[in-house]
N, C-alpha and C. Protein backbone atom coordinates (compact mmCIF):
# COMPACT_ATOMS: atom_id res chain seq x y z
N MET A 1 -33.80 21.89 -84.23
CA MET A 1 -33.94 21.80 -85.67
C MET A 1 -35.02 20.76 -85.97
N LEU A 2 -35.77 21.02 -87.04
CA LEU A 2 -36.86 20.14 -87.45
C LEU A 2 -36.60 19.59 -88.84
N VAL A 3 -37.08 18.38 -89.08
CA VAL A 3 -37.00 17.78 -90.41
C VAL A 3 -38.42 17.54 -90.90
N TYR A 4 -38.75 18.20 -91.99
CA TYR A 4 -40.02 17.97 -92.68
C TYR A 4 -39.73 16.93 -93.76
N GLU A 5 -40.28 15.75 -93.59
CA GLU A 5 -39.96 14.63 -94.47
C GLU A 5 -41.16 14.31 -95.36
N VAL A 6 -40.91 14.24 -96.66
CA VAL A 6 -41.95 13.89 -97.62
C VAL A 6 -41.51 12.63 -98.35
N THR A 7 -42.30 11.57 -98.22
CA THR A 7 -42.02 10.30 -98.87
C THR A 7 -43.00 10.11 -100.02
N VAL A 8 -42.46 9.74 -101.18
CA VAL A 8 -43.30 9.57 -102.37
C VAL A 8 -43.05 8.18 -102.95
N ARG A 9 -44.14 7.48 -103.21
CA ARG A 9 -44.08 6.20 -103.92
C ARG A 9 -44.82 6.38 -105.24
N LEU A 10 -44.09 6.15 -106.31
CA LEU A 10 -44.66 6.30 -107.64
C LEU A 10 -45.45 5.04 -107.99
N GLN A 11 -46.59 5.23 -108.63
CA GLN A 11 -47.37 4.09 -109.07
C GLN A 11 -47.20 3.89 -110.57
N HIS A 12 -47.58 4.89 -111.34
CA HIS A 12 -47.52 4.76 -112.79
C HIS A 12 -46.57 5.76 -113.43
N SER A 13 -46.04 6.65 -112.64
CA SER A 13 -45.21 7.73 -113.17
C SER A 13 -43.85 7.21 -113.63
N ASP A 14 -43.30 7.92 -114.60
CA ASP A 14 -41.95 7.65 -115.10
C ASP A 14 -40.95 8.13 -114.04
N GLU A 15 -40.13 7.22 -113.56
CA GLU A 15 -39.17 7.54 -112.50
C GLU A 15 -38.20 8.64 -112.92
N ASP A 16 -37.72 8.59 -114.16
CA ASP A 16 -36.78 9.61 -114.63
C ASP A 16 -37.44 10.98 -114.70
N ALA A 17 -38.69 11.03 -115.16
CA ALA A 17 -39.42 12.30 -115.22
C ALA A 17 -39.63 12.86 -113.82
N PHE A 18 -39.98 11.99 -112.89
CA PHE A 18 -40.19 12.42 -111.51
C PHE A 18 -38.89 12.97 -110.91
N ARG A 19 -37.81 12.20 -111.06
CA ARG A 19 -36.52 12.62 -110.51
C ARG A 19 -36.09 13.96 -111.12
N GLY A 20 -36.25 14.11 -112.42
CA GLY A 20 -35.89 15.36 -113.08
C GLY A 20 -36.70 16.53 -112.56
N PHE A 21 -38.01 16.33 -112.40
CA PHE A 21 -38.88 17.39 -111.88
C PHE A 21 -38.44 17.80 -110.48
N MET A 22 -38.16 16.83 -109.64
CA MET A 22 -37.77 17.13 -108.26
C MET A 22 -36.44 17.86 -108.20
N ILE A 23 -35.44 17.37 -108.94
CA ILE A 23 -34.09 17.93 -108.86
C ILE A 23 -33.96 19.26 -109.59
N GLU A 24 -34.64 19.41 -110.70
CA GLU A 24 -34.48 20.61 -111.52
C GLU A 24 -35.47 21.72 -111.20
N ALA A 25 -36.61 21.39 -110.61
CA ALA A 25 -37.64 22.42 -110.40
C ALA A 25 -38.16 22.45 -108.97
N HIS A 26 -38.82 21.39 -108.55
CA HIS A 26 -39.56 21.40 -107.29
C HIS A 26 -38.68 21.73 -106.08
N ILE A 27 -37.63 20.97 -105.88
CA ILE A 27 -36.78 21.21 -104.70
C ILE A 27 -36.06 22.56 -104.77
N PRO A 28 -35.46 22.94 -105.90
CA PRO A 28 -34.84 24.28 -105.94
C PRO A 28 -35.84 25.41 -105.65
N ASP A 29 -37.08 25.26 -106.12
CA ASP A 29 -38.09 26.29 -105.84
C ASP A 29 -38.42 26.35 -104.35
N ILE A 30 -38.47 25.20 -103.70
CA ILE A 30 -38.73 25.18 -102.26
C ILE A 30 -37.54 25.77 -101.50
N VAL A 31 -36.34 25.43 -101.90
CA VAL A 31 -35.14 26.01 -101.26
C VAL A 31 -35.18 27.54 -101.37
N ALA A 32 -35.64 28.05 -102.51
CA ALA A 32 -35.68 29.50 -102.75
C ALA A 32 -36.62 30.23 -101.80
N THR A 33 -37.52 29.53 -101.11
CA THR A 33 -38.40 30.19 -100.15
C THR A 33 -37.64 30.69 -98.93
N GLY A 34 -36.46 30.12 -98.67
CA GLY A 34 -35.68 30.50 -97.51
C GLY A 34 -36.15 29.89 -96.21
N CYS A 35 -37.09 28.95 -96.29
CA CYS A 35 -37.64 28.34 -95.08
C CYS A 35 -36.80 27.18 -94.55
N PHE A 36 -35.91 26.66 -95.39
CA PHE A 36 -35.14 25.48 -95.00
C PHE A 36 -33.66 25.74 -95.11
N ASP A 37 -32.91 25.18 -94.17
CA ASP A 37 -31.47 25.35 -94.10
C ASP A 37 -30.73 24.33 -94.95
N GLN A 38 -31.30 23.14 -95.07
CA GLN A 38 -30.66 22.06 -95.83
C GLN A 38 -31.74 21.12 -96.35
N VAL A 39 -31.49 20.54 -97.53
CA VAL A 39 -32.43 19.59 -98.13
C VAL A 39 -31.65 18.41 -98.68
N SER A 40 -32.19 17.20 -98.50
CA SER A 40 -31.60 16.03 -99.14
C SER A 40 -32.71 15.25 -99.85
N PHE A 41 -32.38 14.71 -101.01
CA PHE A 41 -33.31 13.94 -101.84
C PHE A 41 -32.74 12.54 -101.95
N GLN A 42 -33.52 11.54 -101.58
CA GLN A 42 -33.02 10.17 -101.48
C GLN A 42 -33.94 9.20 -102.20
N ARG A 43 -33.38 8.07 -102.59
CA ARG A 43 -34.15 7.02 -103.27
C ARG A 43 -33.96 5.71 -102.52
N LEU A 44 -35.05 4.94 -102.43
CA LEU A 44 -35.01 3.60 -101.84
C LEU A 44 -35.55 2.63 -102.88
N GLY A 45 -34.67 1.95 -103.57
CA GLY A 45 -35.11 1.02 -104.61
C GLY A 45 -35.78 1.74 -105.76
N GLU A 46 -36.71 1.05 -106.39
CA GLU A 46 -37.41 1.64 -107.53
C GLU A 46 -38.67 2.37 -107.07
N LYS A 47 -38.88 3.54 -107.62
CA LYS A 47 -40.11 4.31 -107.46
C LYS A 47 -40.46 4.67 -106.01
N HIS A 48 -39.46 4.78 -105.15
CA HIS A 48 -39.68 5.14 -103.75
C HIS A 48 -38.65 6.20 -103.37
N PHE A 49 -39.12 7.41 -103.07
CA PHE A 49 -38.24 8.55 -102.82
C PHE A 49 -38.60 9.23 -101.51
N ARG A 50 -37.61 9.91 -100.95
CA ARG A 50 -37.81 10.69 -99.74
C ARG A 50 -37.04 11.99 -99.87
N THR A 51 -37.67 13.07 -99.48
CA THR A 51 -37.00 14.37 -99.41
C THR A 51 -37.08 14.84 -97.96
N GLN A 52 -35.93 15.25 -97.42
CA GLN A 52 -35.88 15.75 -96.06
C GLN A 52 -35.47 17.22 -96.09
N TYR A 53 -36.36 18.06 -95.59
CA TYR A 53 -36.15 19.50 -95.54
C TYR A 53 -35.88 19.88 -94.09
N GLN A 54 -34.71 20.47 -93.80
CA GLN A 54 -34.37 20.84 -92.43
C GLN A 54 -34.66 22.32 -92.19
N ALA A 55 -35.53 22.56 -91.22
CA ALA A 55 -35.86 23.93 -90.81
C ALA A 55 -35.16 24.22 -89.49
N LEU A 56 -34.66 25.44 -89.35
CA LEU A 56 -33.96 25.80 -88.12
C LEU A 56 -34.89 25.90 -86.92
N ASN A 57 -36.17 26.23 -87.19
CA ASN A 57 -37.11 26.40 -86.08
C ASN A 57 -38.54 26.19 -86.56
N GLN A 58 -39.45 26.14 -85.60
CA GLN A 58 -40.87 25.91 -85.91
C GLN A 58 -41.46 27.05 -86.73
N GLU A 59 -41.00 28.27 -86.49
CA GLU A 59 -41.52 29.42 -87.23
C GLU A 59 -41.23 29.29 -88.73
N ASP A 60 -40.03 28.86 -89.09
CA ASP A 60 -39.70 28.68 -90.51
C ASP A 60 -40.55 27.58 -91.13
N LEU A 61 -40.74 26.49 -90.41
CA LEU A 61 -41.57 25.41 -90.94
C LEU A 61 -43.02 25.87 -91.08
N ASP A 62 -43.54 26.56 -90.08
CA ASP A 62 -44.91 27.07 -90.16
C ASP A 62 -45.08 28.04 -91.32
N ARG A 63 -44.09 28.88 -91.53
CA ARG A 63 -44.15 29.83 -92.66
C ARG A 63 -44.23 29.07 -93.98
N TYR A 64 -43.42 28.03 -94.11
CA TYR A 64 -43.47 27.22 -95.33
C TYR A 64 -44.86 26.58 -95.49
N LEU A 65 -45.34 25.96 -94.43
CA LEU A 65 -46.60 25.22 -94.51
C LEU A 65 -47.79 26.12 -94.81
N THR A 66 -47.78 27.34 -94.29
CA THR A 66 -48.93 28.23 -94.51
C THR A 66 -48.81 29.08 -95.77
N GLN A 67 -47.60 29.57 -96.06
CA GLN A 67 -47.43 30.50 -97.17
C GLN A 67 -47.02 29.86 -98.49
N HIS A 68 -46.40 28.69 -98.44
CA HIS A 68 -45.83 28.11 -99.66
C HIS A 68 -46.33 26.72 -100.02
N ALA A 69 -46.52 25.86 -99.03
CA ALA A 69 -46.85 24.46 -99.31
C ALA A 69 -48.08 24.27 -100.19
N PRO A 70 -49.17 25.02 -99.99
CA PRO A 70 -50.34 24.78 -100.84
C PRO A 70 -50.05 24.93 -102.34
N GLN A 71 -49.29 25.94 -102.73
CA GLN A 71 -49.00 26.12 -104.16
C GLN A 71 -48.06 25.03 -104.68
N PHE A 72 -47.10 24.60 -103.86
CA PHE A 72 -46.19 23.53 -104.29
C PHE A 72 -46.92 22.21 -104.43
N ARG A 73 -47.84 21.93 -103.52
CA ARG A 73 -48.62 20.69 -103.61
C ARG A 73 -49.51 20.71 -104.85
N GLU A 74 -50.11 21.85 -105.13
CA GLU A 74 -50.96 21.98 -106.32
C GLU A 74 -50.14 21.77 -107.59
N ASP A 75 -48.97 22.38 -107.66
CA ASP A 75 -48.11 22.22 -108.83
C ASP A 75 -47.66 20.77 -108.98
N PHE A 76 -47.32 20.13 -107.88
CA PHE A 76 -46.91 18.72 -107.91
C PHE A 76 -48.02 17.86 -108.50
N LEU A 77 -49.25 18.09 -108.05
CA LEU A 77 -50.38 17.30 -108.53
C LEU A 77 -50.68 17.54 -110.01
N LYS A 78 -50.36 18.72 -110.50
CA LYS A 78 -50.52 18.99 -111.94
C LYS A 78 -49.56 18.14 -112.75
N HIS A 79 -48.36 17.94 -112.22
CA HIS A 79 -47.35 17.15 -112.93
C HIS A 79 -47.57 15.65 -112.76
N PHE A 80 -48.10 15.24 -111.61
CA PHE A 80 -48.27 13.81 -111.32
C PHE A 80 -49.65 13.56 -110.71
N PRO A 81 -50.71 13.76 -111.49
CA PRO A 81 -52.07 13.63 -110.96
C PRO A 81 -52.44 12.18 -110.65
N GLY A 82 -52.72 11.92 -109.39
CA GLY A 82 -53.18 10.60 -108.98
C GLY A 82 -52.21 9.46 -109.23
N GLU A 83 -50.95 9.79 -109.44
CA GLU A 83 -49.97 8.76 -109.79
C GLU A 83 -48.98 8.48 -108.66
N THR A 84 -49.20 9.08 -107.51
CA THR A 84 -48.24 8.93 -106.42
C THR A 84 -48.97 8.72 -105.10
N GLN A 85 -48.24 8.13 -104.16
CA GLN A 85 -48.69 8.04 -102.78
C GLN A 85 -47.71 8.91 -101.99
N VAL A 86 -48.23 9.93 -101.31
CA VAL A 86 -47.37 10.89 -100.61
C VAL A 86 -47.67 10.83 -99.11
N GLU A 87 -46.61 10.77 -98.32
CA GLU A 87 -46.72 10.82 -96.86
C GLU A 87 -45.82 11.94 -96.35
N ARG A 88 -46.31 12.66 -95.36
CA ARG A 88 -45.53 13.76 -94.79
C ARG A 88 -45.43 13.58 -93.27
N GLN A 89 -44.23 13.84 -92.74
CA GLN A 89 -44.00 13.76 -91.30
C GLN A 89 -43.05 14.89 -90.89
N VAL A 90 -43.17 15.29 -89.64
CA VAL A 90 -42.24 16.27 -89.08
C VAL A 90 -41.50 15.60 -87.92
N TRP A 91 -40.18 15.64 -88.00
CA TRP A 91 -39.31 15.06 -86.98
C TRP A 91 -38.54 16.17 -86.28
N THR A 92 -38.27 15.98 -85.01
CA THR A 92 -37.41 16.89 -84.26
C THR A 92 -36.05 16.23 -84.10
N ILE A 93 -35.00 16.95 -84.48
CA ILE A 93 -33.64 16.42 -84.31
C ILE A 93 -33.24 16.60 -82.85
N GLU A 94 -32.97 15.50 -82.20
CA GLU A 94 -32.57 15.52 -80.79
C GLU A 94 -31.06 15.69 -80.65
N GLN A 95 -30.31 15.03 -81.52
CA GLN A 95 -28.85 15.06 -81.42
C GLN A 95 -28.27 14.65 -82.77
N THR A 96 -27.13 15.24 -83.13
CA THR A 96 -26.40 14.81 -84.33
C THR A 96 -24.94 14.58 -83.96
N TRP A 97 -24.28 13.73 -84.72
CA TRP A 97 -22.86 13.44 -84.54
C TRP A 97 -22.17 13.56 -85.87
N SER A 98 -20.90 13.92 -85.85
CA SER A 98 -20.11 14.00 -87.08
C SER A 98 -18.90 13.11 -86.97
């Protein structure tokens, strides 16, 4: 399983507007692509957020990155132009415990 992690630090954006956009539109639209099995949206203090998208395999992640990510990134920038610092990483889950 893979985790596609997107970290966002807001600079000038309204935190409530950002959170609303992510929870009500952006993340549900990404979930609707069927590329991810599970998603979590997290906050670290003020204006620092992380979203973790879990893909079952590399093929699902590649499908998202090639077929869907460009339009989602474009839409995100329309809502928050130049107001955020975004970092993306892909992690491989080695082991989980419950």
